[in-house]
Amino acid sequence: GDLYAKSFYMLGKIYEEEDMQRQAIEHYEKFLDLWKDADPGIAEVEDTKNRLAEMQKTP
């Protein structure tokens, strides 16, 4: 389960680096959906939330 969910996080980062925002957002949202019940403070979850917030505020 862990690796499956984290793959969406890693793919999101790759898409973001390649300037493919739509795909990055889709993968980040899927990751957060899979880990919605995770303990607070998990680094990947916090990082994903921050990355999504940054992407969604830039047009």
PDB file of N, CA and C in Angstrom:
ATOM      1  N   GLY A   1       0.795  -1.195   0.000  1.00  0.00           N
ATOM      2  CA  GLY A   1       0.000   0.000   0.000  1.00  0.00           C
ATOM      3  C   GLY A   1       0.837   1.258   0.000  1.00  0.00           C
ATOM      4  N   ASP A   2       1.838   1.298   0.856  1.00  0.00           N
ATOM      5  CA  ASP A   2       2.687   2.487   0.975  1.00  0.00           C
ATOM      6  C   ASP A   2       3.347   2.871  -0.344  1.00  0.00           C
ATOM      7  N   LEU A   3       3.969   1.892  -0.975  1.00  0.00           N
ATOM      8  CA  LEU A   3       4.689   2.148  -2.213  1.00  0.00           C
ATOM      9  C   LEU A   3       3.735   2.585  -3.318  1.00  0.00           C
ATOM     10  N   TYR A   4       2.559   1.969  -3.381  1.00  0.00           N
ATOM     11  CA  TYR A   4       1.560   2.339  -4.384  1.00  0.00           C
ATOM     12  C   TYR A   4       1.192   3.812  -4.241  1.00  0.00           C
ATOM     13  N   ALA A   5       0.883   4.242  -3.027  1.00  0.00           N
ATOM     14  CA  ALA A   5       0.501   5.634  -2.797  1.00  0.00           C
ATOM     15  C   ALA A   5       1.666   6.570  -3.083  1.00  0.00           C
ATOM     16  N   LYS A   6       2.857   6.201  -2.610  1.00  0.00           N
ATOM     17  CA  LYS A   6       4.020   7.074  -2.806  1.00  0.00           C
ATOM     18  C   LYS A   6       4.384   7.226  -4.275  1.00  0.00           C
ATOM     19  N   SER A   7       4.016   6.246  -5.100  1.00  0.00           N
ATOM     20  CA  SER A   7       4.309   6.369  -6.525  1.00  0.00           C
ATOM     21  C   SER A   7       3.579   7.570  -7.122  1.00  0.00           C
ATOM     22  N   PHE A   8       2.384   7.879  -6.626  1.00  0.00           N
ATOM     23  CA  PHE A   8       1.661   9.055  -7.116  1.00  0.00           C
ATOM     24  C   PHE A   8       2.375  10.339  -6.701  1.00  0.00           C
ATOM     25  N   TYR A   9       2.940  10.345  -5.504  1.00  0.00           N
ATOM     26  CA  TYR A   9       3.722  11.491  -5.022  1.00  0.00           C
ATOM     27  C   TYR A   9       4.952  11.694  -5.910  1.00  0.00           C
ATOM     28  N   MET A  10       5.686  10.616  -6.165  1.00  0.00           N
ATOM     29  CA  MET A  10       6.903  10.711  -6.974  1.00  0.00           C
ATOM     30  C   MET A  10       6.582  11.122  -8.413  1.00  0.00           C
ATOM     31  N   LEU A  11       5.535  10.542  -8.992  1.00  0.00           N
ATOM     32  CA  LEU A  11       5.148  10.921 -10.353  1.00  0.00           C
ATOM     33  C   LEU A  11       4.706  12.379 -10.404  1.00  0.00           C
ATOM     34  N   GLY A  12       4.009  12.824  -9.369  1.00  0.00           N
ATOM     35  CA  GLY A  12       3.610  14.228  -9.309  1.00  0.00           C
ATOM     36  C   GLY A  12       4.813  15.147  -9.346  1.00  0.00           C
ATOM     37  N   LYS A  13       5.856  14.797  -8.595  1.00  0.00           N
ATOM     38  CA  LYS A  13       7.078  15.608  -8.580  1.00  0.00           C
ATOM     39  C   LYS A  13       7.746  15.620  -9.951  1.00  0.00           C
ATOM     40  N   ILE A  14       7.763  14.470 -10.611  1.00  0.00           N
ATOM     41  CA  ILE A  14       8.369  14.387 -11.943  1.00  0.00           C
ATOM     42  C   ILE A  14       7.587  15.251 -12.927  1.00  0.00           C
ATOM     43  N   TYR A  15       6.266  15.128 -12.916  1.00  0.00           N
ATOM     44  CA  TYR A  15       5.449  15.954 -13.815  1.00  0.00           C
ATOM     45  C   TYR A  15       5.640  17.437 -13.517  1.00  0.00           C
ATOM     46  N   GLU A  16       5.737  17.782 -12.248  1.00  0.00           N
ATOM     47  CA  GLU A  16       5.938  19.184 -11.882  1.00  0.00           C
ATOM     48  C   GLU A  16       7.276  19.689 -12.425  1.00  0.00           C
ATOM     49  N   GLU A  17       8.327  18.889 -12.288  1.00  0.00           N
ATOM     50  CA  GLU A  17       9.647  19.272 -12.799  1.00  0.00           C
ATOM     51  C   GLU A  17       9.634  19.431 -14.312  1.00  0.00           C
ATOM     52  N   GLU A  18       8.808  18.646 -14.983  1.00  0.00           N
ATOM     53  CA  GLU A  18       8.706  18.715 -16.442  1.00  0.00           C
ATOM     54  C   GLU A  18       7.700  19.778 -16.891  1.00  0.00           C
ATOM     55  N   ASP A  19       7.208  20.567 -15.955  1.00  0.00           N
ATOM     56  CA  ASP A  19       6.253  21.644 -16.230  1.00  0.00           C
ATOM     57  C   ASP A  19       4.941  21.117 -16.819  1.00  0.00           C
ATOM     58  N   MET A  20       4.526  19.954 -16.336  1.00  0.00           N
ATOM     59  CA  MET A  20       3.261  19.349 -16.756  1.00  0.00           C
ATOM     60  C   MET A  20       2.311  19.432 -15.567  1.00  0.00           C
ATOM     61  N   GLN A  21       1.814  20.651 -15.337  1.00  0.00           N
ATOM     62  CA  GLN A  21       1.065  20.928 -14.111  1.00  0.00           C
ATOM     63  C   GLN A  21      -0.208  20.120 -13.957  1.00  0.00           C
ATOM     64  N   ARG A  22      -0.959  19.962 -15.034  1.00  0.00           N
ATOM     65  CA  ARG A  22      -2.235  19.244 -14.924  1.00  0.00           C
ATOM     66  C   ARG A  22      -2.002  17.819 -14.426  1.00  0.00           C
ATOM     67  N   GLN A  23      -1.010  17.139 -15.018  1.00  0.00           N
ATOM     68  CA  GLN A  23      -0.710  15.773 -14.592  1.00  0.00           C
ATOM     69  C   GLN A  23      -0.171  15.750 -13.165  1.00  0.00           C
ATOM     70  N   ALA A  24       0.656  16.728 -12.820  1.00  0.00           N
ATOM     71  CA  ALA A  24       1.205  16.797 -11.461  1.00  0.00           C
ATOM     72  C   ALA A  24       0.078  16.939 -10.445  1.00  0.00           C
ATOM     73  N   ILE A  25      -0.854  17.835 -10.719  1.00  0.00           N
ATOM     74  CA  ILE A  25      -1.973  18.058  -9.799  1.00  0.00           C
ATOM     75  C   ILE A  25      -2.801  16.782  -9.652  1.00  0.00           C
ATOM     76  N   GLU A  26      -3.080  16.109 -10.770  1.00  0.00           N
ATOM     77  CA  GLU A  26      -3.861  14.864 -10.710  1.00  0.00           C
ATOM     78  C   GLU A  26      -3.183  13.830  -9.811  1.00  0.00           C
ATOM     79  N   HIS A  27      -1.873  13.678  -9.964  1.00  0.00           N
ATOM     80  CA  HIS A  27      -1.145  12.678  -9.181  1.00  0.00           C
ATOM     81  C   HIS A  27      -1.055  13.088  -7.715  1.00  0.00           C
ATOM     82  N   TYR A  28      -0.827  14.366  -7.449  1.00  0.00           N
ATOM     83  CA  TYR A  28      -0.785  14.829  -6.058  1.00  0.00           C
ATOM     84  C   TYR A  28      -2.139  14.626  -5.377  1.00  0.00           C
ATOM     85  N   GLU A  29      -3.220  14.937  -6.098  1.00  0.00           N
ATOM     86  CA  GLU A  29      -4.553  14.772  -5.506  1.00  0.00           C
ATOM     87  C   GLU A  29      -4.858  13.298  -5.241  1.00  0.00           C
ATOM     88  N   LYS A  30      -4.438  12.424  -6.140  1.00  0.00           N
ATOM     89  CA  LYS A  30      -4.638  10.984  -5.933  1.00  0.00           C
ATOM     90  C   LYS A  30      -3.845  10.520  -4.707  1.00  0.00           C
ATOM     91  N   PHE A  31      -2.610  10.989  -4.576  1.00  0.00           N
ATOM     92  CA  PHE A  31      -1.783  10.642  -3.420  1.00  0.00           C
ATOM     93  C   PHE A  31      -2.459  11.080  -2.123  1.00  0.00           C
ATOM     94  N   LEU A  32      -2.937  12.330  -2.093  1.00  0.00           N
ATOM     95  CA  LEU A  32      -3.588  12.827  -0.878  1.00  0.00           C
ATOM     96  C   LEU A  32      -4.871  12.058  -0.585  1.00  0.00           C
ATOM     97  N   ASP A  33      -5.585  11.665  -1.636  1.00  0.00           N
ATOM     98  CA  ASP A  33      -6.805  10.884  -1.432  1.00  0.00           C
ATOM     99  C   ASP A  33      -6.480   9.526  -0.800  1.00  0.00           C
ATOM    100  N   LEU A  34      -5.428   8.887  -1.286  1.00  0.00           N
ATOM    101  CA  LEU A  34      -5.034   7.582  -0.748  1.00  0.00           C
ATOM    102  C   LEU A  34      -4.547   7.694   0.698  1.00  0.00           C
ATOM    103  N   TRP A  35      -3.933   8.828   1.032  1.00  0.00           N
ATOM    104  CA  TRP A  35      -3.366   9.016   2.369  1.00  0.00           C
ATOM    105  C   TRP A  35      -4.193   9.968   3.220  1.00  0.00           C
ATOM    106  N   LYS A  36      -5.479  10.080   2.915  1.00  0.00           N
ATOM    107  CA  LYS A  36      -6.318  11.038   3.644  1.00  0.00           C
ATOM    108  C   LYS A  36      -6.425  10.715   5.132  1.00  0.00           C
ATOM    109  N   ASP A  37      -6.203   9.458   5.503  1.00  0.00           N
ATOM    110  CA  ASP A  37      -6.281   9.063   6.909  1.00  0.00           C
ATOM    111  C   ASP A  37      -4.904   8.928   7.559  1.00  0.00           C
ATOM    112  N   ALA A  38      -3.880   9.434   6.883  1.00  0.00           N
ATOM    113  CA  ALA A  38      -2.514   9.324   7.417  1.00  0.00           C
ATOM    114  C   ALA A  38      -2.346  10.200   8.654  1.00  0.00           C
ATOM    115  N   ASP A  39      -1.370   9.845   9.450  1.00  0.00           N
ATOM    116  CA  ASP A  39      -1.060  10.660  10.626  1.00  0.00           C
ATOM    117  C   ASP A  39      -0.635  12.052  10.184  1.00  0.00           C
ATOM    118  N   PRO A  40      -1.025  13.082  10.934  1.00  0.00           N
ATOM    119  CA  PRO A  40      -0.601  14.443  10.583  1.00  0.00           C
ATOM    120  C   PRO A  40       0.912  14.581  10.717  1.00  0.00           C
ATOM    121  N   GLY A  41       1.479  15.448   9.890  1.00  0.00           N
ATOM    122  CA  GLY A  41       2.901  15.730   9.996  1.00  0.00           C
ATOM    123  C   GLY A  41       3.791  14.849   9.144  1.00  0.00           C
ATOM    124  N   ILE A  42       3.208  13.936   8.361  1.00  0.00           N
ATOM    125  CA  ILE A  42       4.036  13.109   7.475  1.00  0.00           C
ATOM    126  C   ILE A  42       4.603  14.010   6.377  1.00  0.00           C
ATOM    127  N   ALA A  43       5.919  13.946   6.201  1.00  0.00           N
ATOM    128  CA  ALA A  43       6.622  14.884   5.314  1.00  0.00           C
ATOM    129  C   ALA A  43       6.047  14.912   3.901  1.00  0.00           C
ATOM    130  N   GLU A  44       5.791  13.741   3.310  1.00  0.00           N
ATOM    131  CA  GLU A  44       5.286  13.710   1.932  1.00  0.00           C
ATOM    132  C   GLU A  44       3.908  14.346   1.819  1.00  0.00           C
ATOM    133  N   VAL A  45       3.072  14.140   2.818  1.00  0.00           N
ATOM    134  CA  VAL A  45       1.724  14.713   2.793  1.00  0.00           C
ATOM    135  C   VAL A  45       1.811  16.232   2.892  1.00  0.00           C
ATOM    136  N   GLU A  46       2.627  16.726   3.811  1.00  0.00           N
ATOM    137  CA  GLU A  46       2.785  18.175   3.965  1.00  0.00           C
ATOM    138  C   GLU A  46       3.381  18.786   2.703  1.00  0.00           C
ATOM    139  N   ASP A  47       4.388  18.132   2.130  1.00  0.00           N
ATOM    140  CA  ASP A  47       5.027  18.623   0.916  1.00  0.00           C
ATOM    141  C   ASP A  47       4.028  18.680  -0.232  1.00  0.00           C
ATOM    142  N   THR A  48       3.214  17.639  -0.365  1.00  0.00           N
ATOM    143  CA  THR A  48       2.220  17.600  -1.436  1.00  0.00           C
ATOM    144  C   THR A  48       1.211  18.727  -1.285  1.00  0.00           C
ATOM    145  N   LYS A  49       0.740  18.954  -0.070  1.00  0.00           N
ATOM    146  CA  LYS A  49      -0.219  20.043   0.165  1.00  0.00           C
ATOM    147  C   LYS A  49       0.395  21.386  -0.206  1.00  0.00           C
ATOM    148  N   ASN A  50       1.663  21.593   0.155  1.00  0.00           N
ATOM    149  CA  ASN A  50       2.346  22.845  -0.178  1.00  0.00           C
ATOM    150  C   ASN A  50       2.525  23.002  -1.680  1.00  0.00           C
ATOM    151  N   ARG A  51       2.918  21.930  -2.349  1.00  0.00           N
ATOM    152  CA  ARG A  51       3.116  21.984  -3.799  1.00  0.00           C
ATOM    153  C   ARG A  51       1.796  22.277  -4.519  1.00  0.00           C
ATOM    154  N   LEU A  52       0.723  21.624  -4.088  1.00  0.00           N
ATOM    155  CA  LEU A  52      -0.590  21.871  -4.692  1.00  0.00           C
ATOM    156  C   LEU A  52      -1.015  23.319  -4.498  1.00  0.00           C
ATOM    157  N   ALA A  53      -0.820  23.828  -3.304  1.00  0.00           N
ATOM    158  CA  ALA A  53      -1.201  25.212  -3.014  1.00  0.00           C
ATOM    159  C   ALA A  53      -0.436  26.175  -3.919  1.00  0.00           C
ATOM    160  N   GLU A  54       0.851  25.927  -4.112  1.00  0.00           N
ATOM    161  CA  GLU A  54       1.664  26.787  -4.982  1.00  0.00           C
ATOM    162  C   GLU A  54       1.173  26.731  -6.424  1.00  0.00           C
ATOM    163  N   MET A  55       0.899  25.529  -6.913  1.00  0.00           N
ATOM    164  CA  MET A  55       0.465  25.385  -8.306  1.00  0.00           C
ATOM    165  C   MET A  55      -0.909  25.986  -8.532  1.00  0.00           C
ATOM    166  N   GLN A  56      -1.779  25.886  -7.550  1.00  0.00           N
ATOM    167  CA  GLN A  56      -3.143  26.365  -7.736  1.00  0.00           C
ATOM    168  C   GLN A  56      -3.251  27.878  -7.624  1.00  0.00           C
ATOM    169  N   LYS A  57      -2.237  28.536  -7.078  1.00  0.00           N
ATOM    170  CA  LYS A  57      -2.317  29.997  -6.994  1.00  0.00           C
ATOM    171  C   LYS A  57      -1.633  30.686  -8.166  1.00  0.00           C
ATOM    172  N   THR A  58      -0.897  29.914  -8.983  1.00  0.00           N
ATOM    173  CA  THR A  58      -0.297  30.498 -10.179  1.00  0.00           C
ATOM    174  C   THR A  58      -1.170  30.159 -11.378  1.00  0.00           C
ATOM    175  N   PRO A  59      -1.523  31.162 -12.170  1.00  0.00           N
ATOM    176  CA  PRO A  59      -2.429  30.926 -13.307  1.00  0.00           C
ATOM    177  C   PRO A  59      -1.817  30.051 -14.388  1.00  0.00           C
TER     178      PRO A  59
END
